[in-house]
Amino acid sequence: MRVIVLGGTWFVGRAITEALMSAGHTVLIVHRGVSEPTDLPRVQHLHAERSTWPAHASEFAAFQADAAVDVSAGNGASARAALSALPPGIRLVALSSIDVYRAYEALRNGTQADAVPLTEESPLRVTRHLDGPQWENLEIEEAYHGAGATILRLGAVYGEHDYQHRFEPVLRRVRARRRQLPVGAGNFLFSRVYVGDVGRAVRAALASDQGSGRCLNIVEAQTAPMRLFYEQVSSATDGSLGLVRVPDETLPPDLRDTGALSQHLLASPARAAVMLGWRATAGPQILRRAVTWHLNNPPREAGDDFSADDAALAGAM
């Protein structure tokens, strides 16, 4: 299969590209050209700003694609720019997020709205652009749903090359040789998925027409509460960082998700299992490998002020 990957050089995109290449597909990556790591698989590249893609329709067509995967639309305008450039009649997969559910808005507002696990029939948000004017997965879904795409709603994606550094609240303290990590109630459930399993989900969606025009949750079947998750991340290092219970109101800003939050974001992957035959495969060994990568590749501004930790630990329960 010949597949166009729209935004295939960063975290999730590169994992999708690697998954497609490992299955023998031919890939064209379309991106701005700002980030082109030397360790990417050897594939064709088309460098162009998304807003100009309609003007590159002939170059898209020349690739003679069977399918396209939109990794990085961001909002409705970006999704429509992609659709206007892509050849008609090809199979489409678009990435979205479980942040489209009403439960996410409730979490942001400190309220409760929905029972979990969230299914694809759970209520969607009414309020839009919660994370800024340039981001709205609901708009992406609307554009791609009209084009008959398979829409994959991802949980919190973790793994190598994660630019959000989801392990960093633990790892920056490990690097600083701290011995105690202040945590709150730690009962928050937020469905996760390993980036390599996202690549497998995209590959499965391209191989089946059962998901066409449907939304599918792509998350792990089991989710560790936040405190347990941080314990697992710590254990994947040398395990010397102990978690200490402190009052939620004293938590440092980057550890507030270990407090008692109002609404869980726990989603069910059952539909993806039935329609695509997809199940997450990540386990302790993969988590350990991902943690090791991030431990050795810290963000440029990791932060070395732990005064808030010390203040919280002084009031440990």
C-alpha atoms as a PDB file:
ATOM      1  CA  MET A   1       0.000   0.000   0.000  1.00  0.00           C
ATOM      2  CA  ARG A   2       1.173   3.541  -0.799  1.00  0.00           C
ATOM      3  CA  VAL A   3       0.440   5.826   2.158  1.00  0.00           C
ATOM      4  CA  ILE A   4       0.751   9.573   2.636  1.00  0.00           C
ATOM      5  CA  VAL A   5       1.539  10.483   6.264  1.00  0.00           C
ATOM      6  CA  LEU A   6       0.695  14.086   7.047  1.00  0.00           C
ATOM      7  CA  GLY A   7       3.156  15.058   9.764  1.00  0.00           C
ATOM      8  CA  GLY A   8       5.332  11.957  10.085  1.00  0.00           C
ATOM      9  CA  THR A   9       8.575  13.177  11.645  1.00  0.00           C
ATOM     10  CA  TRP A  10       7.699  13.848  15.286  1.00  0.00           C
ATOM     11  CA  PHE A  11       6.717  11.556  18.146  1.00  0.00           C
ATOM     12  CA  VAL A  12       3.477   9.846  17.018  1.00  0.00           C
ATOM     13  CA  GLY A  13       4.074  10.494  13.334  1.00  0.00           C
ATOM     14  CA  ARG A  14       7.475   8.858  13.281  1.00  0.00           C
ATOM     15  CA  ALA A  15       6.100   5.793  15.110  1.00  0.00           C
ATOM     16  CA  ILE A  16       3.359   5.504  12.485  1.00  0.00           C
ATOM     17  CA  THR A  17       5.895   5.853   9.680  1.00  0.00           C
ATOM     18  CA  GLU A  18       8.073   3.151  11.252  1.00  0.00           C
ATOM     19  CA  ALA A  19       5.080   0.824  11.676  1.00  0.00           C
ATOM     20  CA  LEU A  20       4.041   1.263   8.049  1.00  0.00           C
ATOM     21  CA  MET A  21       7.564   0.776   6.749  1.00  0.00           C
ATOM     22  CA  SER A  22       8.028  -2.382   8.831  1.00  0.00           C
ATOM     23  CA  ALA A  23       4.911  -3.806   7.171  1.00  0.00           C
ATOM     24  CA  GLY A  24       6.299  -3.128   3.705  1.00  0.00           C
ATOM     25  CA  HIS A  25       4.203  -0.084   2.813  1.00  0.00           C
ATOM     26  CA  THR A  26       5.594   2.768   0.709  1.00  0.00           C
ATOM     27  CA  VAL A  27       5.368   6.097   2.524  1.00  0.00           C
ATOM     28  CA  LEU A  28       5.410   9.767   1.583  1.00  0.00           C
ATOM     29  CA  ILE A  29       5.833  12.097   4.569  1.00  0.00           C
ATOM     30  CA  VAL A  30       4.373  15.578   4.104  1.00  0.00           C
ATOM     31  CA  HIS A  31       5.637  18.156   6.592  1.00  0.00           C
ATOM     32  CA  ARG A  32       7.158  21.602   6.922  1.00  0.00           C
ATOM     33  CA  GLY A  33      10.737  20.388   6.852  1.00  0.00           C
ATOM     34  CA  VAL A  34      11.520  21.993  10.196  1.00  0.00           C
ATOM     35  CA  SER A  35      12.174  18.646  11.879  1.00  0.00           C
ATOM     36  CA  GLU A  36      13.732  15.822   9.892  1.00  0.00           C
ATOM     37  CA  PRO A  37      15.694  13.568  12.269  1.00  0.00           C
ATOM     38  CA  THR A  38      18.588  11.660  10.751  1.00  0.00           C
ATOM     39  CA  ASP A  39      17.345   8.370  12.226  1.00  0.00           C
ATOM     40  CA  LEU A  40      14.011   8.409  10.392  1.00  0.00           C
ATOM     41  CA  PRO A  41      13.361   5.552   7.961  1.00  0.00           C
ATOM     42  CA  ARG A  42      14.377   6.380   4.395  1.00  0.00           C
ATOM     43  CA  VAL A  43      11.157   7.579   2.755  1.00  0.00           C
ATOM     44  CA  GLN A  44      10.031  10.262   0.349  1.00  0.00           C
ATOM     45  CA  HIS A  45       9.431  13.739   1.775  1.00  0.00           C
ATOM     46  CA  LEU A  46       7.319  16.654   0.592  1.00  0.00           C
ATOM     47  CA  HIS A  47       8.132  19.911   2.388  1.00  0.00           C
ATOM     48  CA  ALA A  48       5.263  22.397   2.510  1.00  0.00           C
ATOM     49  CA  GLU A  49       3.317  24.411   5.058  1.00  0.00           C
ATOM     50  CA  ARG A  50      -0.110  22.886   5.644  1.00  0.00           C
ATOM     51  CA  SER A  51      -1.881  26.076   4.550  1.00  0.00           C
ATOM     52  CA  THR A  52      -0.252  25.699   1.106  1.00  0.00           C
ATOM     53  CA  TRP A  53      -1.084  22.028   0.606  1.00  0.00           C
ATOM     54  CA  PRO A  54      -3.992  22.660  -1.802  1.00  0.00           C
ATOM     55  CA  ALA A  55      -1.468  24.241  -4.163  1.00  0.00           C
ATOM     56  CA  HIS A  56       0.551  21.010  -4.025  1.00  0.00           C
ATOM     57  CA  ALA A  57      -2.348  18.771  -5.054  1.00  0.00           C
ATOM     58  CA  SER A  58      -0.523  17.632  -8.195  1.00  0.00           C
ATOM     59  CA  GLU A  59       2.448  16.465  -6.119  1.00  0.00           C
ATOM     60  CA  PHE A  60       0.109  14.583  -3.798  1.00  0.00           C
ATOM     61  CA  ALA A  61      -1.539  12.963  -6.821  1.00  0.00           C
ATOM     62  CA  ALA A  62       1.793  12.020  -8.390  1.00  0.00           C
ATOM     63  CA  PHE A  63       2.548   9.718  -5.453  1.00  0.00           C
ATOM     64  CA  GLN A  64      -0.489   7.603  -6.445  1.00  0.00           C
ATOM     65  CA  ALA A  65      -1.508   6.965  -2.859  1.00  0.00           C
ATOM     66  CA  ASP A  66      -3.904   4.287  -1.698  1.00  0.00           C
ATOM     67  CA  ALA A  67      -4.380   5.909   1.704  1.00  0.00           C
ATOM     68  CA  ALA A  68      -3.474   8.863   3.907  1.00  0.00           C
ATOM     69  CA  VAL A  69      -3.001   9.334   7.646  1.00  0.00           C
ATOM     70  CA  ASP A  70      -3.396  12.800   9.177  1.00  0.00           C
ATOM     71  CA  VAL A  71      -1.312  12.914  12.334  1.00  0.00           C
ATOM     72  CA  SER A  72      -1.169  16.634  13.048  1.00  0.00           C
ATOM     73  CA  ALA A  73      -4.227  18.516  11.809  1.00  0.00           C
ATOM     74  CA  GLY A  74      -4.741  20.534  14.991  1.00  0.00           C
ATOM     75  CA  ASN A  75      -8.061  22.079  13.959  1.00  0.00           C
ATOM     76  CA  GLY A  76     -10.778  22.097  11.322  1.00  0.00           C
ATOM     77  CA  ALA A  77      -9.079  24.522   8.930  1.00  0.00           C
ATOM     78  CA  SER A  78      -5.964  22.343   8.866  1.00  0.00           C
ATOM     79  CA  ALA A  79      -8.031  19.201   8.305  1.00  0.00           C
ATOM     80  CA  ARG A  80      -9.880  20.826   5.412  1.00  0.00           C
ATOM     81  CA  ALA A  81      -6.574  21.978   3.868  1.00  0.00           C
ATOM     82  CA  ALA A  82      -5.418  18.369   3.885  1.00  0.00           C
ATOM     83  CA  LEU A  83      -8.648  17.028   2.421  1.00  0.00           C
ATOM     84  CA  SER A  84      -8.581  19.566  -0.402  1.00  0.00           C
ATOM     85  CA  ALA A  85      -5.064  18.446  -1.361  1.00  0.00           C
ATOM     86  CA  LEU A  86      -5.440  14.674  -1.047  1.00  0.00           C
ATOM     87  CA  PRO A  87      -6.511  12.582  -4.047  1.00  0.00           C
ATOM     88  CA  PRO A  88     -10.192  11.578  -3.953  1.00  0.00           C
ATOM     89  CA  GLY A  89     -11.286   8.052  -3.161  1.00  0.00           C
ATOM     90  CA  ILE A  90      -8.347   6.964  -1.000  1.00  0.00           C
ATOM     91  CA  ARG A  91      -8.669   5.409   2.462  1.00  0.00           C
ATOM     92  CA  LEU A  92      -8.333   7.955   5.274  1.00  0.00           C
ATOM     93  CA  VAL A  93      -7.271   7.723   8.918  1.00  0.00           C
ATOM     94  CA  ALA A  94      -7.229  10.775  11.185  1.00  0.00           C
ATOM     95  CA  LEU A  95      -5.915  11.068  14.723  1.00  0.00           C
ATOM     96  CA  SER A  96      -8.006  12.678  17.428  1.00  0.00           C
ATOM     97  CA  SER A  97      -8.051  12.418  21.226  1.00  0.00           C
ATOM     98  CA  ILE A  98     -10.250  11.362  24.103  1.00  0.00           C
ATOM     99  CA  ASP A  99     -10.276  15.081  24.992  1.00  0.00           C
ATOM    100  CA  VAL A 100     -13.363  15.334  22.748  1.00  0.00           C
ATOM    101  CA  TYR A 101     -15.493  13.796  25.506  1.00  0.00           C
ATOM    102  CA  ARG A 102     -17.547  15.908  27.889  1.00  0.00           C
ATOM    103  CA  ALA A 103     -15.613  14.307  30.737  1.00  0.00           C
ATOM    104  CA  TYR A 104     -12.531  16.290  29.713  1.00  0.00           C
ATOM    105  CA  GLU A 105     -14.413  19.560  30.040  1.00  0.00           C
ATOM    106  CA  ALA A 106     -15.680  18.454  33.446  1.00  0.00           C
ATOM    107  CA  LEU A 107     -12.132  17.650  34.547  1.00  0.00           C
ATOM    108  CA  ARG A 108     -10.996  21.111  33.457  1.00  0.00           C
ATOM    109  CA  ASN A 109     -13.892  22.691  35.374  1.00  0.00           C
ATOM    110  CA  GLY A 110     -13.409  20.635  38.536  1.00  0.00           C
ATOM    111  CA  THR A 111     -16.810  18.949  38.140  1.00  0.00           C
ATOM    112  CA  GLN A 112     -18.145  15.474  37.325  1.00  0.00           C
ATOM    113  CA  ALA A 113     -20.149  14.707  34.207  1.00  0.00           C
ATOM    114  CA  ASP A 114     -19.915  11.103  33.052  1.00  0.00           C
ATOM    115  CA  ALA A 115     -19.516   7.509  34.133  1.00  0.00           C
ATOM    116  CA  VAL A 116     -16.428   5.635  33.042  1.00  0.00           C
ATOM    117  CA  PRO A 117     -15.180   3.879  31.053  1.00  0.00           C
ATOM    118  CA  LEU A 118     -15.953   6.323  28.272  1.00  0.00           C
ATOM    119  CA  THR A 119     -17.193   4.686  25.088  1.00  0.00           C
ATOM    120  CA  GLU A 120     -17.507   6.143  21.629  1.00  0.00           C
ATOM    121  CA  GLU A 121     -21.152   6.909  22.478  1.00  0.00           C
ATOM    122  CA  SER A 122     -20.274   8.962  25.573  1.00  0.00           C
ATOM    123  CA  PRO A 123     -21.308  12.640  25.367  1.00  0.00           C
ATOM    124  CA  LEU A 124     -18.945  15.028  23.616  1.00  0.00           C
ATOM    125  CA  ARG A 125     -17.848  18.437  24.791  1.00  0.00           C
ATOM    126  CA  VAL A 126     -19.971  21.495  24.050  1.00  0.00           C
ATOM    127  CA  THR A 127     -17.314  24.094  24.811  1.00  0.00           C
ATOM    128  CA  ARG A 128     -14.563  24.270  22.218  1.00  0.00           C
ATOM    129  CA  HIS A 129     -10.927  25.401  22.072  1.00  0.00           C
ATOM    130  CA  LEU A 130     -10.281  24.556  25.713  1.00  0.00           C
ATOM    131  CA  ASP A 131      -6.557  24.278  24.989  1.00  0.00           C
ATOM    132  CA  GLY A 132      -6.246  27.361  22.790  1.00  0.00           C
ATOM    133  CA  PRO A 133      -7.704  28.761  19.559  1.00  0.00           C
ATOM    134  CA  GLN A 134      -5.466  26.664  17.307  1.00  0.00           C
ATOM    135  CA  TRP A 135      -6.435  23.293  18.800  1.00  0.00           C
ATOM    136  CA  GLU A 136      -9.763  21.513  18.431  1.00  0.00           C
ATOM    137  CA  ASN A 137     -10.118  17.797  17.844  1.00  0.00           C
ATOM    138  CA  LEU A 138     -13.899  18.086  17.522  1.00  0.00           C
ATOM    139  CA  GLU A 139     -13.381  20.133  14.344  1.00  0.00           C
ATOM    140  CA  ILE A 140     -10.931  17.565  12.991  1.00  0.00           C
ATOM    141  CA  GLU A 141     -13.448  14.792  13.575  1.00  0.00           C
ATOM    142  CA  GLU A 142     -16.231  16.736  11.856  1.00  0.00           C
ATOM    143  CA  ALA A 143     -14.107  17.329   8.749  1.00  0.00           C
ATOM    144  CA  TYR A 144     -12.822  13.767   8.463  1.00  0.00           C
ATOM    145  CA  HIS A 145     -16.084  12.107   9.415  1.00  0.00           C
ATOM    146  CA  GLY A 146     -17.677  13.739   6.372  1.00  0.00           C
ATOM    147  CA  ALA A 147     -14.932  12.204   4.233  1.00  0.00           C
ATOM    148  CA  GLY A 148     -15.550   8.684   5.582  1.00  0.00           C
ATOM    149  CA  ALA A 149     -12.283   8.448   7.529  1.00  0.00           C
ATOM    150  CA  THR A 150     -11.506   6.138  10.407  1.00  0.00           C
ATOM    151  CA  ILE A 151     -10.951   8.433  13.372  1.00  0.00           C
ATOM    152  CA  LEU A 152      -8.701   7.200  16.162  1.00  0.00           C
ATOM    153  CA  ARG A 153      -9.226   8.842  19.566  1.00  0.00           C
ATOM    154  CA  LEU A 154      -5.965   8.458  21.426  1.00  0.00           C
ATOM    155  CA  GLY A 155      -5.397   8.379  25.154  1.00  0.00           C
ATOM    156  CA  ALA A 156      -2.330   9.991  26.736  1.00  0.00           C
ATOM    157  CA  VAL A 157       0.442   8.789  24.421  1.00  0.00           C
ATOM    158  CA  TYR A 158       3.783   7.906  25.997  1.00  0.00           C
ATOM    159  CA  GLY A 159       7.051   6.512  24.720  1.00  0.00           C
ATOM    160  CA  GLU A 160      10.320   7.457  23.141  1.00  0.00           C
ATOM    161  CA  HIS A 161      10.564  10.954  21.591  1.00  0.00           C
ATOM    162  CA  ASP A 162       7.538  12.269  23.529  1.00  0.00           C
ATOM    163  CA  TYR A 163       7.810  16.056  23.273  1.00  0.00           C
ATOM    164  CA  GLN A 164       5.285  16.432  26.115  1.00  0.00           C
ATOM    165  CA  HIS A 165       7.663  14.547  28.440  1.00  0.00           C
ATOM    166  CA  ARG A 166       4.913  12.760  30.378  1.00  0.00           C
ATOM    167  CA  PHE A 167       7.493  11.050  32.608  1.00  0.00           C
ATOM    168  CA  GLU A 168       9.282  14.265  33.489  1.00  0.00           C
ATOM    169  CA  PRO A 169       7.570  14.970  36.857  1.00  0.00           C
ATOM    170  CA  VAL A 170       9.336  11.829  38.085  1.00  0.00           C
ATOM    171  CA  LEU A 171      12.483  11.835  35.964  1.00  0.00           C
ATOM    172  CA  ARG A 172      13.634  15.381  36.681  1.00  0.00           C
ATOM    173  CA  ARG A 173      13.723  14.436  40.353  1.00  0.00           C
ATOM    174  CA  VAL A 174      15.553  11.191  39.612  1.00  0.00           C
ATOM    175  CA  ARG A 175      18.215  13.120  37.660  1.00  0.00           C
ATOM    176  CA  ALA A 176      18.589  15.528  40.579  1.00  0.00           C
ATOM    177  CA  ARG A 177      19.061  12.517  42.925  1.00  0.00           C
ATOM    178  CA  ARG A 178      16.078  13.459  45.017  1.00  0.00           C
ATOM    179  CA  ARG A 179      14.949  10.745  47.404  1.00  0.00           C
ATOM    180  CA  GLN A 180      11.304  11.681  47.931  1.00  0.00           C
ATOM    181  CA  LEU A 181       8.482  12.613  45.578  1.00  0.00           C
ATOM    182  CA  PRO A 182       5.463  14.361  47.142  1.00  0.00           C
ATOM    183  CA  VAL A 183       2.183  12.957  45.861  1.00  0.00           C
ATOM    184  CA  GLY A 184      -1.473  13.483  46.649  1.00  0.00           C
ATOM    185  CA  ALA A 185      -4.358  11.037  46.698  1.00  0.00           C
ATOM    186  CA  GLY A 186      -3.109   9.678  43.366  1.00  0.00           C
ATOM    187  CA  ASN A 187      -6.398   8.076  42.277  1.00  0.00           C
ATOM    188  CA  PHE A 188      -6.805   9.863  38.906  1.00  0.00           C
ATOM    189  CA  LEU A 189      -7.400   7.469  35.986  1.00  0.00           C
ATOM    190  CA  PHE A 190      -6.258   8.741  32.586  1.00  0.00           C
ATOM    191  CA  SER A 191      -6.191   6.167  29.779  1.00  0.00           C
ATOM    192  CA  ARG A 192      -2.782   5.813  28.163  1.00  0.00           C
ATOM    193  CA  VAL A 193      -1.341   4.183  25.060  1.00  0.00           C
ATOM    194  CA  TYR A 194       2.225   3.440  23.988  1.00  0.00           C
ATOM    195  CA  VAL A 195       3.290   5.246  20.833  1.00  0.00           C
ATOM    196  CA  GLY A 196       4.275   1.993  19.116  1.00  0.00           C
ATOM    197  CA  ASP A 197       0.772   0.638  19.717  1.00  0.00           C
ATOM    198  CA  VAL A 198      -0.625   3.761  18.017  1.00  0.00           C
ATOM    199  CA  GLY A 199       1.433   2.845  14.958  1.00  0.00           C
ATOM    200  CA  ARG A 200      -0.061  -0.654  15.044  1.00  0.00           C
ATOM    201  CA  ALA A 201      -3.573   0.794  15.374  1.00  0.00           C
ATOM    202  CA  VAL A 202      -3.086   2.958  12.287  1.00  0.00           C
ATOM    203  CA  ARG A 203      -1.770  -0.039  10.380  1.00  0.00           C
ATOM    204  CA  ALA A 204      -4.831  -2.057  11.435  1.00  0.00           C
ATOM    205  CA  ALA A 205      -7.193   0.761  10.425  1.00  0.00           C
ATOM    206  CA  LEU A 206      -5.627   0.927   6.961  1.00  0.00           C
ATOM    207  CA  ALA A 207      -6.024  -2.832   6.548  1.00  0.00           C
ATOM    208  CA  SER A 208      -9.753  -2.876   7.340  1.00  0.00           C
ATOM    209  CA  ASP A 209     -12.792  -1.011   6.081  1.00  0.00           C
ATOM    210  CA  GLN A 210     -14.819  -1.805   9.207  1.00  0.00           C
ATOM    211  CA  GLY A 211     -13.779   1.423  10.898  1.00  0.00           C
ATOM    212  CA  SER A 212     -14.581   3.687   7.955  1.00  0.00           C
ATOM    213  CA  GLY A 213     -16.697   6.603   9.095  1.00  0.00           C
ATOM    214  CA  ARG A 214     -16.354   5.506  12.727  1.00  0.00           C
ATOM    215  CA  CYS A 215     -14.548   6.802  15.815  1.00  0.00           C
ATOM    216  CA  LEU A 216     -12.474   4.331  17.830  1.00  0.00           C
ATOM    217  CA  ASN A 217     -10.817   4.734  21.223  1.00  0.00           C
ATOM    218  CA  ILE A 218      -7.160   3.705  21.077  1.00  0.00           C
ATOM    219  CA  VAL A 219      -6.142   3.125  24.686  1.00  0.00           C
ATOM    220  CA  GLU A 220      -4.756   0.390  26.894  1.00  0.00           C
ATOM    221  CA  ALA A 221      -7.294  -1.988  28.402  1.00  0.00           C
ATOM    222  CA  GLN A 222      -5.942  -1.429  31.920  1.00  0.00           C
ATOM    223  CA  THR A 223      -4.948   1.908  33.439  1.00  0.00           C
ATOM    224  CA  ALA A 224      -2.852   2.428  36.547  1.00  0.00           C
ATOM    225  CA  PRO A 225      -4.040   5.246  38.832  1.00  0.00           C
ATOM    226  CA  MET A 226      -1.658   8.206  38.747  1.00  0.00           C
ATOM    227  CA  ARG A 227       0.214   7.343  41.940  1.00  0.00           C
ATOM    228  CA  LEU A 228       0.784   3.765  40.801  1.00  0.00           C
ATOM    229  CA  PHE A 229       1.864   5.005  37.376  1.00  0.00           C
ATOM    230  CA  TYR A 230       4.477   7.282  38.946  1.00  0.00           C
ATOM    231  CA  GLU A 231       5.638   4.360  41.094  1.00  0.00           C
ATOM    232  CA  GLN A 232       6.029   2.289  37.920  1.00  0.00           C
ATOM    233  CA  VAL A 233       8.040   5.059  36.260  1.00  0.00           C
ATOM    234  CA  SER A 234      10.258   5.347  39.342  1.00  0.00           C
ATOM    235  CA  SER A 235      10.753   1.578  39.446  1.00  0.00           C
ATOM    236  CA  ALA A 236      11.855   1.670  35.800  1.00  0.00           C
ATOM    237  CA  THR A 237      14.838   3.774  36.937  1.00  0.00           C
ATOM    238  CA  ASP A 238      16.948   2.740  39.932  1.00  0.00           C
ATOM    239  CA  GLY A 239      13.840   2.796  42.139  1.00  0.00           C
ATOM    240  CA  SER A 240      15.436   5.066  44.738  1.00  0.00           C
ATOM    241  CA  LEU A 241      12.735   7.740  44.540  1.00  0.00           C
ATOM    242  CA  GLY A 242      10.141   7.132  47.239  1.00  0.00           C
ATOM    243  CA  LEU A 243       6.609   8.506  46.965  1.00  0.00           C
ATOM    244  CA  VAL A 244       5.407  10.384  50.037  1.00  0.00           C
ATOM    245  CA  ARG A 245       1.769  11.309  50.657  1.00  0.00           C
ATOM    246  CA  VAL A 246       1.224  15.023  51.257  1.00  0.00           C
ATOM    247  CA  PRO A 247      -1.949  17.147  51.422  1.00  0.00           C
ATOM    248  CA  ASP A 248      -3.249  17.772  47.905  1.00  0.00           C
ATOM    249  CA  GLU A 249      -3.304  21.528  48.414  1.00  0.00           C
ATOM    250  CA  THR A 250       0.485  21.575  48.986  1.00  0.00           C
ATOM    251  CA  LEU A 251       1.442  19.732  45.773  1.00  0.00           C
ATOM    252  CA  PRO A 252       3.978  21.393  43.438  1.00  0.00           C
ATOM    253  CA  PRO A 253       2.389  22.530  40.144  1.00  0.00           C
ATOM    254  CA  ASP A 254       3.849  19.687  38.058  1.00  0.00           C
ATOM    255  CA  LEU A 255       2.499  17.059  40.476  1.00  0.00           C
ATOM    256  CA  ARG A 256      -1.068  18.284  40.793  1.00  0.00           C
ATOM    257  CA  ASP A 257      -2.358  15.416  38.654  1.00  0.00           C
ATOM    258  CA  THR A 258      -1.494  13.164  41.610  1.00  0.00           C
ATOM    259  CA  GLY A 259      -4.196  14.933  43.628  1.00  0.00           C
ATOM    260  CA  ALA A 260      -7.849  13.955  43.977  1.00  0.00           C
ATOM    261  CA  LEU A 261      -9.208  15.189  40.635  1.00  0.00           C
ATOM    262  CA  SER A 262     -12.900  15.547  39.901  1.00  0.00           C
ATOM    263  CA  GLN A 263     -13.429  13.415  36.778  1.00  0.00           C
ATOM    264  CA  HIS A 264     -11.624  10.350  35.466  1.00  0.00           C
ATOM    265  CA  LEU A 265     -10.676  10.079  31.774  1.00  0.00           C
ATOM    266  CA  LEU A 266     -10.860   6.315  31.518  1.00  0.00           C
ATOM    267  CA  ALA A 267     -11.876   5.079  28.063  1.00  0.00           C
ATOM    268  CA  SER A 268     -12.782   1.666  26.687  1.00  0.00           C
ATOM    269  CA  PRO A 269     -10.889   0.172  23.696  1.00  0.00           C
ATOM    270  CA  ALA A 270     -13.524  -2.543  23.128  1.00  0.00           C
ATOM    271  CA  ARG A 271     -14.735  -1.235  19.777  1.00  0.00           C
ATOM    272  CA  ALA A 272     -11.211  -1.113  18.326  1.00  0.00           C
ATOM    273  CA  ALA A 273     -10.677  -4.699  19.456  1.00  0.00           C
ATOM    274  CA  VAL A 274     -13.839  -5.850  17.678  1.00  0.00           C
ATOM    275  CA  MET A 275     -13.566  -3.792  14.500  1.00  0.00           C
ATOM    276  CA  LEU A 276      -9.805  -3.758  13.951  1.00  0.00           C
ATOM    277  CA  GLY A 277      -8.597  -6.717  15.990  1.00  0.00           C
ATOM    278  CA  TRP A 278      -6.324  -4.212  17.770  1.00  0.00           C
ATOM    279  CA  ARG A 279      -5.162  -4.542  21.352  1.00  0.00           C
ATOM    280  CA  ALA A 280      -2.409  -2.671  23.146  1.00  0.00           C
ATOM    281  CA  THR A 281       0.679  -4.799  23.734  1.00  0.00           C
ATOM    282  CA  ALA A 282       2.910  -2.558  25.868  1.00  0.00           C
ATOM    283  CA  GLY A 283       4.085  -3.931  29.210  1.00  0.00           C
ATOM    284  CA  PRO A 284       6.742  -3.343  31.877  1.00  0.00           C
ATOM    285  CA  GLN A 285       9.660  -3.949  29.507  1.00  0.00           C
ATOM    286  CA  ILE A 286       8.425  -1.352  27.030  1.00  0.00           C
ATOM    287  CA  LEU A 287       7.759   1.141  29.828  1.00  0.00           C
ATOM    288  CA  ARG A 288      11.292   0.569  31.121  1.00  0.00           C
ATOM    289  CA  ARG A 289      12.749   1.149  27.662  1.00  0.00           C
ATOM    290  CA  ALA A 290      10.754   4.345  27.174  1.00  0.00           C
ATOM    291  CA  VAL A 291      11.659   5.650  30.635  1.00  0.00           C
ATOM    292  CA  THR A 292      15.345   4.950  29.981  1.00  0.00           C
ATOM    293  CA  TRP A 293      15.195   6.886  26.724  1.00  0.00           C
ATOM    294  CA  HIS A 294      13.663   9.917  28.438  1.00  0.00           C
ATOM    295  CA  LEU A 295      16.023   9.692  31.384  1.00  0.00           C
ATOM    296  CA  ASN A 296      18.892   9.956  28.920  1.00  0.00           C
ATOM    297  CA  ASN A 297      17.234  12.650  26.778  1.00  0.00           C
ATOM    298  CA  PRO A 298      16.033  15.372  29.164  1.00  0.00           C
ATOM    299  CA  PRO A 299      14.198  18.461  27.931  1.00  0.00           C
ATOM    300  CA  ARG A 300      16.334  21.552  27.471  1.00  0.00           C
ATOM    301  CA  GLU A 301      14.756  23.221  30.496  1.00  0.00           C
ATOM    302  CA  ALA A 302      14.337  20.431  33.015  1.00  0.00           C
ATOM    303  CA  GLY A 303      14.172  22.713  36.064  1.00  0.00           C
ATOM    304  CA  ASP A 304      16.216  22.331  39.240  1.00  0.00           C
ATOM    305  CA  ASP A 305      14.138  24.237  41.808  1.00  0.00           C
ATOM    306  CA  PHE A 306      12.645  21.803  44.327  1.00  0.00           C
ATOM    307  CA  SER A 307      11.680  24.283  47.024  1.00  0.00           C
ATOM    308  CA  ALA A 308       7.995  23.478  46.443  1.00  0.00           C
ATOM    309  CA  ASP A 309       8.789  19.798  47.026  1.00  0.00           C
ATOM    310  CA  ASP A 310      10.519  20.565  50.294  1.00  0.00           C
ATOM    311  CA  ALA A 311       7.607  22.694  51.472  1.00  0.00           C
ATOM    312  CA  ALA A 312       5.106  19.934  50.609  1.00  0.00           C
ATOM    313  CA  LEU A 313       7.208  17.215  52.242  1.00  0.00           C
ATOM    314  CA  ALA A 314       7.439  19.245  55.435  1.00  0.00           C
ATOM    315  CA  GLY A 315       3.699  18.703  55.843  1.00  0.00           C
ATOM    316  CA  ALA A 316       3.745  15.000  54.884  1.00  0.00           C
ATOM    317  CA  MET A 317       0.794  12.990  56.170  1.00  0.00           C
END
